[in-house]
Amino acid sequence: MIVFVAGMSRSGSMWTYNIVRAIYETTDFSVLPKAMPADERALIRDALSSAVKNNEVHCIKTHFLFRRPIPTSHEVKFICNIRDVRDACISFMRFTHSNFERGVSAMTSMMNSTDYYLSEFGNSVLGVRFEDVTNNPLIVVNSICSFLKIELSDSDKNEIISRFSKTKIKKKLHDMSKIRLDANGQIEGDEQQSKFEAIKNLDGTYRIYDKTTAFQSNHITSTGDGEWRTVFDKDQIEKVNSISKEWLLRHGYTI
């Protein structure tokens, strides 16, 4: 089995990725990979070509688009997060330190990739709404368990949700922000290098990447849904609404 958490970026997909891994780890499954490098392409190739084994699952987060048919003997499932792309646009700009035009380009890509996954893979894809991730994570955990055909006790579900609560994730990200880099942008210390990577932002600064959870420093960038209404100016609001209006309405969002 291979489970890809794929599709839209800046929509809670990293949280979903860790939840999926935790769900499998709570059962008798062996979850691969044990570490997730920032560039997942080699992992994807290895997973697709690997032998099918009972009670072994490959769980990989990616934003690449997979074309059908997928060249593998594994059963493949996709989980695709979805969010109001106007808020996702702001989150992308903050996360990568990019400007508005770059954010709009990313927003367009988000809409296209989400529509592709949700329309092309039928019963093999599960949509997860960002609003549920932030406001009612138990709904998400229940739907993922049902989709993956895994039964967990209520206590196991609540333990997983607690482990990846926003408060605990924020503390982890805060600790990651203290990791020191040398003059070349490399992480100092062999032990830290084995656990983390430094990724360059678009403005030349760096963020820290955790190879175990795939969370990155400054990963949480939003203060609430609908933030685009106060962050964007009038002209910017007009532009993002014009580009995303049809998509937003089709997916149940308001203009």
C-alpha atoms as a PDB file:
ATOM      1  CA  MET A   1       0.000   0.000   0.000  1.00  0.00           C
ATOM      2  CA  ILE A   2       1.122   3.535  -0.785  1.00  0.00           C
ATOM      3  CA  VAL A   3      -0.656   6.576   0.637  1.00  0.00           C
ATOM      4  CA  PHE A   4       0.235   9.932  -0.887  1.00  0.00           C
ATOM      5  CA  VAL A   5      -0.802  13.103   0.898  1.00  0.00           C
ATOM      6  CA  ALA A   6      -0.854  15.148  -2.272  1.00  0.00           C
ATOM      7  CA  GLY A   7      -2.316  18.171  -3.994  1.00  0.00           C
ATOM      8  CA  MET A   8      -2.710  21.679  -2.572  1.00  0.00           C
ATOM      9  CA  SER A   9       0.085  23.226  -0.529  1.00  0.00           C
ATOM     10  CA  ARG A  10      -0.461  25.475   2.528  1.00  0.00           C
ATOM     11  CA  SER A  11      -3.683  23.641   3.395  1.00  0.00           C
ATOM     12  CA  GLY A  12      -2.760  21.570   6.441  1.00  0.00           C
ATOM     13  CA  SER A  13      -1.313  18.716   4.408  1.00  0.00           C
ATOM     14  CA  MET A  14       1.732  18.363   6.677  1.00  0.00           C
ATOM     15  CA  TRP A  15      -0.568  17.831   9.651  1.00  0.00           C
ATOM     16  CA  THR A  16      -2.545  15.293   7.617  1.00  0.00           C
ATOM     17  CA  TYR A  17       0.659  13.493   6.623  1.00  0.00           C
ATOM     18  CA  ASN A  18       1.654  13.069  10.262  1.00  0.00           C
ATOM     19  CA  ILE A  19      -1.845  11.984  11.241  1.00  0.00           C
ATOM     20  CA  VAL A  20      -1.851   9.262   8.560  1.00  0.00           C
ATOM     21  CA  ARG A  21       1.540   7.983   9.731  1.00  0.00           C
ATOM     22  CA  ALA A  22       0.382   7.997  13.359  1.00  0.00           C
ATOM     23  CA  ILE A  23      -2.795   6.080  12.479  1.00  0.00           C
ATOM     24  CA  TYR A  24      -0.772   3.335  10.809  1.00  0.00           C
ATOM     25  CA  GLU A  25       1.891   3.314  13.533  1.00  0.00           C
ATOM     26  CA  THR A  26      -0.826   2.753  16.141  1.00  0.00           C
ATOM     27  CA  THR A  27      -1.686  -0.518  14.372  1.00  0.00           C
ATOM     28  CA  ASP A  28       0.665  -3.344  13.404  1.00  0.00           C
ATOM     29  CA  PHE A  29       1.819  -1.628  10.199  1.00  0.00           C
ATOM     30  CA  SER A  30       5.422  -0.802   9.422  1.00  0.00           C
ATOM     31  CA  VAL A  31       5.431   2.742   8.053  1.00  0.00           C
ATOM     32  CA  LEU A  32       7.991   3.849   5.471  1.00  0.00           C
ATOM     33  CA  PRO A  33      10.022   5.946   5.049  1.00  0.00           C
ATOM     34  CA  LYS A  34      11.485   6.391   8.516  1.00  0.00           C
ATOM     35  CA  ALA A  35      12.811   9.806   7.485  1.00  0.00           C
ATOM     36  CA  MET A  36      11.378  12.207   4.907  1.00  0.00           C
ATOM     37  CA  PRO A  37      13.970  14.326   3.051  1.00  0.00           C
ATOM     38  CA  ALA A  38      12.927  17.696   1.677  1.00  0.00           C
ATOM     39  CA  ASP A  39      13.145  16.307  -1.876  1.00  0.00           C
ATOM     40  CA  GLU A  40      10.819  13.294  -1.994  1.00  0.00           C
ATOM     41  CA  ARG A  41      11.366  12.224  -5.609  1.00  0.00           C
ATOM     42  CA  ALA A  42      13.724   9.338  -4.803  1.00  0.00           C
ATOM     43  CA  LEU A  43      11.295   8.091  -2.140  1.00  0.00           C
ATOM     44  CA  ILE A  44       8.460   8.092  -4.655  1.00  0.00           C
ATOM     45  CA  ARG A  45      10.488   6.103  -7.196  1.00  0.00           C
ATOM     46  CA  ASP A  46      11.542   3.581  -4.551  1.00  0.00           C
ATOM     47  CA  ALA A  47       8.012   3.182  -3.209  1.00  0.00           C
ATOM     48  CA  LEU A  48       6.456   2.650  -6.640  1.00  0.00           C
ATOM     49  CA  SER A  49       9.016  -0.023  -7.561  1.00  0.00           C
ATOM     50  CA  SER A  50       9.075  -1.786  -4.180  1.00  0.00           C
ATOM     51  CA  ALA A  51       7.600  -5.213  -3.498  1.00  0.00           C
ATOM     52  CA  VAL A  52       4.166  -5.418  -1.903  1.00  0.00           C
ATOM     53  CA  LYS A  53       4.401  -6.648   1.701  1.00  0.00           C
ATOM     54  CA  ASN A  54       1.659  -7.346   4.195  1.00  0.00           C
ATOM     55  CA  ASN A  55       1.354  -4.782   6.978  1.00  0.00           C
ATOM     56  CA  GLU A  56       3.786  -2.396   5.298  1.00  0.00           C
ATOM     57  CA  VAL A  57       2.727   1.015   4.014  1.00  0.00           C
ATOM     58  CA  HIS A  58       4.601   3.805   2.275  1.00  0.00           C
ATOM     59  CA  CYS A  59       3.296   7.224   3.330  1.00  0.00           C
ATOM     60  CA  ILE A  60       4.702  10.159   1.378  1.00  0.00           C
ATOM     61  CA  LYS A  61       3.749  13.810   1.247  1.00  0.00           C
ATOM     62  CA  THR A  62       4.160  15.432  -2.152  1.00  0.00           C
ATOM     63  CA  HIS A  63       2.849  18.171  -4.412  1.00  0.00           C
ATOM     64  CA  PHE A  64       3.824  16.387  -7.617  1.00  0.00           C
ATOM     65  CA  LEU A  65       1.070  15.338 -10.008  1.00  0.00           C
ATOM     66  CA  PHE A  66       0.758  11.612 -10.709  1.00  0.00           C
ATOM     67  CA  ARG A  67      -0.487  10.575 -14.134  1.00  0.00           C
ATOM     68  CA  ARG A  68      -2.648   7.532 -14.619  1.00  0.00           C
ATOM     69  CA  PRO A  69      -2.008   4.651 -14.762  1.00  0.00           C
ATOM     70  CA  ILE A  70       0.430   4.762 -11.872  1.00  0.00           C
ATOM     71  CA  PRO A  71       3.329   2.379 -12.601  1.00  0.00           C
ATOM     72  CA  THR A  72       3.241   0.184  -9.508  1.00  0.00           C
ATOM     73  CA  SER A  73       1.905  -3.103  -8.186  1.00  0.00           C
ATOM     74  CA  HIS A  74       0.797  -1.410  -4.965  1.00  0.00           C
ATOM     75  CA  GLU A  75      -2.688  -0.263  -4.113  1.00  0.00           C
ATOM     76  CA  VAL A  76      -2.371   3.538  -4.134  1.00  0.00           C
ATOM     77  CA  LYS A  77      -4.544   6.007  -2.253  1.00  0.00           C
ATOM     78  CA  PHE A  78      -4.436   9.794  -2.192  1.00  0.00           C
ATOM     79  CA  ILE A  79      -5.457  12.251   0.506  1.00  0.00           C
ATOM     80  CA  CYS A  80      -5.869  15.792  -0.759  1.00  0.00           C
ATOM     81  CA  ASN A  81      -6.301  18.784   1.531  1.00  0.00           C
ATOM     82  CA  ILE A  82      -8.363  21.710   0.297  1.00  0.00           C
ATOM     83  CA  ARG A  83      -8.538  25.300   1.553  1.00  0.00           C
ATOM     84  CA  ASP A  84      -9.808  28.724   0.529  1.00  0.00           C
ATOM     85  CA  VAL A  85      -7.018  29.509  -1.914  1.00  0.00           C
ATOM     86  CA  ARG A  86      -7.008  33.200  -1.010  1.00  0.00           C
ATOM     87  CA  ASP A  87      -5.853  32.322   2.510  1.00  0.00           C
ATOM     88  CA  ALA A  88      -3.513  29.676   1.086  1.00  0.00           C
ATOM     89  CA  CYS A  89      -2.024  32.389  -1.141  1.00  0.00           C
ATOM     90  CA  ILE A  90      -1.205  34.542   1.891  1.00  0.00           C
ATOM     91  CA  SER A  91       0.239  31.560   3.712  1.00  0.00           C
ATOM     92  CA  PHE A  92       2.447  30.726   0.720  1.00  0.00           C
ATOM     93  CA  MET A  93       3.726  34.309   0.528  1.00  0.00           C
ATOM     94  CA  ARG A  94       4.645  34.337   4.208  1.00  0.00           C
ATOM     95  CA  PHE A  95       6.107  30.842   4.229  1.00  0.00           C
ATOM     96  CA  THR A  96       8.385  31.310   1.213  1.00  0.00           C
ATOM     97  CA  HIS A  97       8.944  35.072   1.694  1.00  0.00           C
ATOM     98  CA  SER A  98       7.553  35.787  -1.779  1.00  0.00           C
ATOM     99  CA  ASN A  99       5.668  38.706  -3.321  1.00  0.00           C
ATOM    100  CA  PHE A 100       2.011  38.953  -4.342  1.00  0.00           C
ATOM    101  CA  GLU A 101       2.513  37.974  -7.981  1.00  0.00           C
ATOM    102  CA  ARG A 102       4.419  34.849  -6.980  1.00  0.00           C
ATOM    103  CA  GLY A 103       1.645  34.068  -4.509  1.00  0.00           C
ATOM    104  CA  VAL A 104      -1.038  34.397  -7.190  1.00  0.00           C
ATOM    105  CA  SER A 105       0.910  32.049  -9.453  1.00  0.00           C
ATOM    106  CA  ALA A 106       1.103  29.522  -6.624  1.00  0.00           C
ATOM    107  CA  MET A 107      -2.622  29.973  -5.959  1.00  0.00           C
ATOM    108  CA  THR A 108      -3.454  29.083  -9.550  1.00  0.00           C
ATOM    109  CA  SER A 109      -1.295  25.966  -9.299  1.00  0.00           C
ATOM    110  CA  MET A 110      -3.063  24.999  -6.071  1.00  0.00           C
ATOM    111  CA  MET A 111      -6.474  25.153  -7.734  1.00  0.00           C
ATOM    112  CA  ASN A 112      -5.325  23.083 -10.695  1.00  0.00           C
ATOM    113  CA  SER A 113      -3.648  20.365  -8.625  1.00  0.00           C
ATOM    114  CA  THR A 114      -6.597  20.065  -6.240  1.00  0.00           C
ATOM    115  CA  ASP A 115      -9.100  19.741  -9.060  1.00  0.00           C
ATOM    116  CA  TYR A 116      -6.892  17.172 -10.757  1.00  0.00           C
ATOM    117  CA  TYR A 117      -6.645  14.886  -7.741  1.00  0.00           C
ATOM    118  CA  LEU A 118     -10.266  15.189  -6.676  1.00  0.00           C
ATOM    119  CA  SER A 119     -11.552  14.480 -10.182  1.00  0.00           C
ATOM    120  CA  GLU A 120      -9.102  11.898 -11.552  1.00  0.00           C
ATOM    121  CA  PHE A 121      -8.757   9.251  -8.872  1.00  0.00           C
ATOM    122  CA  GLY A 122     -12.352   8.402  -7.988  1.00  0.00           C
ATOM    123  CA  ASN A 123     -12.735   6.284  -4.848  1.00  0.00           C
ATOM    124  CA  SER A 124      -8.965   6.279  -4.352  1.00  0.00           C
ATOM    125  CA  VAL A 125      -8.880   9.890  -3.163  1.00  0.00           C
ATOM    126  CA  LEU A 126     -10.130  11.505   0.042  1.00  0.00           C
ATOM    127  CA  GLY A 127     -10.640  15.254   0.316  1.00  0.00           C
ATOM    128  CA  VAL A 128      -9.781  16.886   3.660  1.00  0.00           C
ATOM    129  CA  ARG A 129     -10.955  20.414   4.368  1.00  0.00           C
ATOM    130  CA  PHE A 130      -8.613  22.812   6.140  1.00  0.00           C
ATOM    131  CA  GLU A 131     -11.499  24.161   8.212  1.00  0.00           C
ATOM    132  CA  ASP A 132     -12.013  20.706   9.718  1.00  0.00           C
ATOM    133  CA  VAL A 133      -8.301  20.317  10.420  1.00  0.00           C
ATOM    134  CA  THR A 134      -8.311  23.536  12.437  1.00  0.00           C
ATOM    135  CA  ASN A 135     -11.781  23.386  14.007  1.00  0.00           C
ATOM    136  CA  ASN A 136     -12.711  19.714  14.372  1.00  0.00           C
ATOM    137  CA  PRO A 137      -9.747  17.389  13.814  1.00  0.00           C
ATOM    138  CA  LEU A 138     -11.695  14.362  15.078  1.00  0.00           C
ATOM    139  CA  ILE A 139     -13.866  14.574  11.956  1.00  0.00           C
ATOM    140  CA  VAL A 140     -10.701  14.355   9.863  1.00  0.00           C
ATOM    141  CA  VAL A 141      -9.232  11.449  11.833  1.00  0.00           C
ATOM    142  CA  ASN A 142     -12.518   9.540  11.579  1.00  0.00           C
ATOM    143  CA  SER A 143     -12.744  10.093   7.833  1.00  0.00           C
ATOM    144  CA  ILE A 144      -9.109   9.050   7.282  1.00  0.00           C
ATOM    145  CA  CYS A 145      -9.573   5.886   9.339  1.00  0.00           C
ATOM    146  CA  SER A 146     -12.696   5.015   7.347  1.00  0.00           C
ATOM    147  CA  PHE A 147     -10.938   5.749   4.041  1.00  0.00           C
ATOM    148  CA  LEU A 148      -7.951   3.572   4.968  1.00  0.00           C
ATOM    149  CA  LYS A 149     -10.194   0.893   6.517  1.00  0.00           C
ATOM    150  CA  ILE A 150      -8.447   1.062   9.872  1.00  0.00           C
ATOM    151  CA  GLU A 151     -10.250   0.795  13.188  1.00  0.00           C
ATOM    152  CA  LEU A 152      -8.902   2.725  16.164  1.00  0.00           C
ATOM    153  CA  SER A 153     -10.283   3.227  19.642  1.00  0.00           C
ATOM    154  CA  ASP A 154     -11.509   6.669  20.686  1.00  0.00           C
ATOM    155  CA  SER A 155      -8.575   6.931  23.089  1.00  0.00           C
ATOM    156  CA  ASP A 156      -6.083   6.209  20.293  1.00  0.00           C
ATOM    157  CA  LYS A 157      -7.695   8.845  18.092  1.00  0.00           C
ATOM    158  CA  ASN A 158      -7.643  11.440  20.854  1.00  0.00           C
ATOM    159  CA  GLU A 159      -4.006  10.641  21.662  1.00  0.00           C
ATOM    160  CA  ILE A 160      -3.012  11.182  18.026  1.00  0.00           C
ATOM    161  CA  ILE A 161      -4.912  14.472  17.880  1.00  0.00           C
ATOM    162  CA  SER A 162      -3.278  15.621  21.111  1.00  0.00           C
ATOM    163  CA  ARG A 163       0.183  14.690  19.840  1.00  0.00           C
ATOM    164  CA  PHE A 164      -0.284  16.961  16.828  1.00  0.00           C
ATOM    165  CA  SER A 165      -2.250  19.762  18.458  1.00  0.00           C
ATOM    166  CA  LYS A 166      -1.540  23.276  17.237  1.00  0.00           C
ATOM    167  CA  THR A 167      -0.003  24.183  20.594  1.00  0.00           C
ATOM    168  CA  LYS A 168       2.495  21.301  20.479  1.00  0.00           C
ATOM    169  CA  ILE A 169       3.343  21.913  16.842  1.00  0.00           C
ATOM    170  CA  LYS A 170       3.981  25.602  17.546  1.00  0.00           C
ATOM    171  CA  LYS A 171       6.356  24.676  20.370  1.00  0.00           C
ATOM    172  CA  LYS A 172       8.229  22.302  18.074  1.00  0.00           C
ATOM    173  CA  LEU A 173       8.510  24.968  15.388  1.00  0.00           C
ATOM    174  CA  HIS A 174       9.732  27.478  17.967  1.00  0.00           C
ATOM    175  CA  ASP A 175      12.458  25.055  19.062  1.00  0.00           C
ATOM    176  CA  MET A 176      13.437  24.466  15.427  1.00  0.00           C
ATOM    177  CA  SER A 177      13.824  28.211  14.867  1.00  0.00           C
ATOM    178  CA  LYS A 178      16.672  28.196  17.429  1.00  0.00           C
ATOM    179  CA  ILE A 179      18.813  25.805  15.352  1.00  0.00           C
ATOM    180  CA  ARG A 180      21.985  27.574  14.286  1.00  0.00           C
ATOM    181  CA  LEU A 181      23.321  27.848  10.726  1.00  0.00           C
ATOM    182  CA  ASP A 182      26.852  28.603   9.628  1.00  0.00           C
ATOM    183  CA  ALA A 183      27.847  31.312   7.151  1.00  0.00           C
ATOM    184  CA  ASN A 184      27.045  28.972   4.231  1.00  0.00           C
ATOM    185  CA  GLY A 185      23.525  28.230   5.397  1.00  0.00           C
ATOM    186  CA  GLN A 186      24.449  24.756   6.719  1.00  0.00           C
ATOM    187  CA  ILE A 187      23.148  23.405  10.017  1.00  0.00           C
ATOM    188  CA  GLU A 188      25.787  23.340  12.732  1.00  0.00           C
ATOM    189  CA  GLY A 189      26.485  20.058  14.534  1.00  0.00           C
ATOM    190  CA  ASP A 190      26.433  16.464  13.293  1.00  0.00           C
ATOM    191  CA  GLU A 191      23.497  15.447  15.478  1.00  0.00           C
ATOM    192  CA  GLN A 192      21.360  18.339  14.274  1.00  0.00           C
ATOM    193  CA  GLN A 193      22.344  17.677  10.651  1.00  0.00           C
ATOM    194  CA  SER A 194      21.103  14.087  10.971  1.00  0.00           C
ATOM    195  CA  LYS A 195      17.665  15.329  12.033  1.00  0.00           C
ATOM    196  CA  PHE A 196      17.187  18.564  10.104  1.00  0.00           C
ATOM    197  CA  GLU A 197      17.868  20.306   6.793  1.00  0.00           C
ATOM    198  CA  ALA A 198      18.109  23.992   5.913  1.00  0.00           C
ATOM    199  CA  ILE A 199      15.925  25.151   3.025  1.00  0.00           C
ATOM    200  CA  LYS A 200      16.461  28.481   1.298  1.00  0.00           C
ATOM    201  CA  ASN A 201      13.539  30.893   1.054  1.00  0.00           C
ATOM    202  CA  LEU A 202      12.902  32.955  -2.057  1.00  0.00           C
ATOM    203  CA  ASP A 203      14.465  36.033  -0.416  1.00  0.00           C
ATOM    204  CA  GLY A 204      17.687  34.236   0.512  1.00  0.00           C
ATOM    205  CA  THR A 205      16.847  33.535   4.158  1.00  0.00           C
ATOM    206  CA  TYR A 206      16.531  29.979   5.487  1.00  0.00           C
ATOM    207  CA  ARG A 207      13.958  27.801   7.206  1.00  0.00           C
ATOM    208  CA  ILE A 208      14.595  24.534   9.053  1.00  0.00           C
ATOM    209  CA  TYR A 209      13.117  21.227   7.862  1.00  0.00           C
ATOM    210  CA  ASP A 210      12.484  18.316  10.256  1.00  0.00           C
ATOM    211  CA  LYS A 211      13.249  15.029   8.455  1.00  0.00           C
ATOM    212  CA  THR A 212      10.993  13.008  10.765  1.00  0.00           C
ATOM    213  CA  THR A 213       7.761  15.010  10.681  1.00  0.00           C
ATOM    214  CA  ALA A 214       8.493  17.150   7.569  1.00  0.00           C
ATOM    215  CA  PHE A 215       7.397  20.225   9.511  1.00  0.00           C
ATOM    216  CA  GLN A 216       9.401  23.377   8.840  1.00  0.00           C
ATOM    217  CA  SER A 217      10.157  26.376  11.014  1.00  0.00           C
ATOM    218  CA  ASN A 218       7.591  29.121  10.373  1.00  0.00           C
ATOM    219  CA  HIS A 219       5.252  26.406   9.103  1.00  0.00           C
ATOM    220  CA  ILE A 220       2.172  27.912  10.762  1.00  0.00           C
ATOM    221  CA  THR A 221       1.679  31.332   9.169  1.00  0.00           C
ATOM    222  CA  SER A 222      -2.056  32.068   9.508  1.00  0.00           C
ATOM    223  CA  THR A 223      -4.014  33.632  12.342  1.00  0.00           C
ATOM    224  CA  GLY A 224      -7.472  32.590  11.120  1.00  0.00           C
ATOM    225  CA  ASP A 225      -9.744  31.820   8.184  1.00  0.00           C
ATOM    226  CA  GLY A 226     -10.705  34.755   5.981  1.00  0.00           C
ATOM    227  CA  GLU A 227      -7.475  36.617   6.694  1.00  0.00           C
ATOM    228  CA  TRP A 228      -7.217  37.589   3.023  1.00  0.00           C
ATOM    229  CA  ARG A 229      -9.990  40.163   3.581  1.00  0.00           C
ATOM    230  CA  THR A 230      -7.750  42.354   5.747  1.00  0.00           C
ATOM    231  CA  VAL A 231      -4.268  41.484   4.433  1.00  0.00           C
ATOM    232  CA  PHE A 232      -4.839  42.127   0.717  1.00  0.00           C
ATOM    233  CA  ASP A 233      -5.559  45.641  -0.519  1.00  0.00           C
ATOM    234  CA  LYS A 234      -8.561  46.466  -2.706  1.00  0.00           C
ATOM    235  CA  ASP A 235      -6.825  45.782  -6.013  1.00  0.00           C
ATOM    236  CA  GLN A 236      -5.332  42.536  -4.747  1.00  0.00           C
ATOM    237  CA  ILE A 237      -8.720  41.340  -3.482  1.00  0.00           C
ATOM    238  CA  GLU A 238     -10.247  42.085  -6.866  1.00  0.00           C
ATOM    239  CA  LYS A 239      -7.518  40.106  -8.605  1.00  0.00           C
ATOM    240  CA  VAL A 240      -7.597  36.990  -6.406  1.00  0.00           C
ATOM    241  CA  ASN A 241     -11.406  36.935  -6.457  1.00  0.00           C
ATOM    242  CA  SER A 242     -11.453  37.224 -10.223  1.00  0.00           C
ATOM    243  CA  ILE A 243      -9.033  34.332 -10.618  1.00  0.00           C
ATOM    244  CA  SER A 244     -10.541  32.042  -7.982  1.00  0.00           C
ATOM    245  CA  LYS A 245     -14.277  32.849  -8.019  1.00  0.00           C
ATOM    246  CA  GLU A 246     -15.432  29.855 -10.064  1.00  0.00           C
ATOM    247  CA  TRP A 247     -13.182  27.460  -8.153  1.00  0.00           C
ATOM    248  CA  LEU A 248     -14.267  28.792  -4.755  1.00  0.00           C
ATOM    249  CA  LEU A 249     -17.963  28.479  -5.526  1.00  0.00           C
ATOM    250  CA  ARG A 250     -17.522  24.974  -6.933  1.00  0.00           C
ATOM    251  CA  HIS A 251     -15.875  23.867  -3.683  1.00  0.00           C
ATOM    252  CA  GLY A 252     -18.371  25.513  -1.337  1.00  0.00           C
ATOM    253  CA  TYR A 253     -16.556  28.727  -0.419  1.00  0.00           C
ATOM    254  CA  THR A 254     -18.081  32.207  -0.425  1.00  0.00           C
ATOM    255  CA  ILE A 255     -16.825  35.220  -2.329  1.00  0.00           C
END
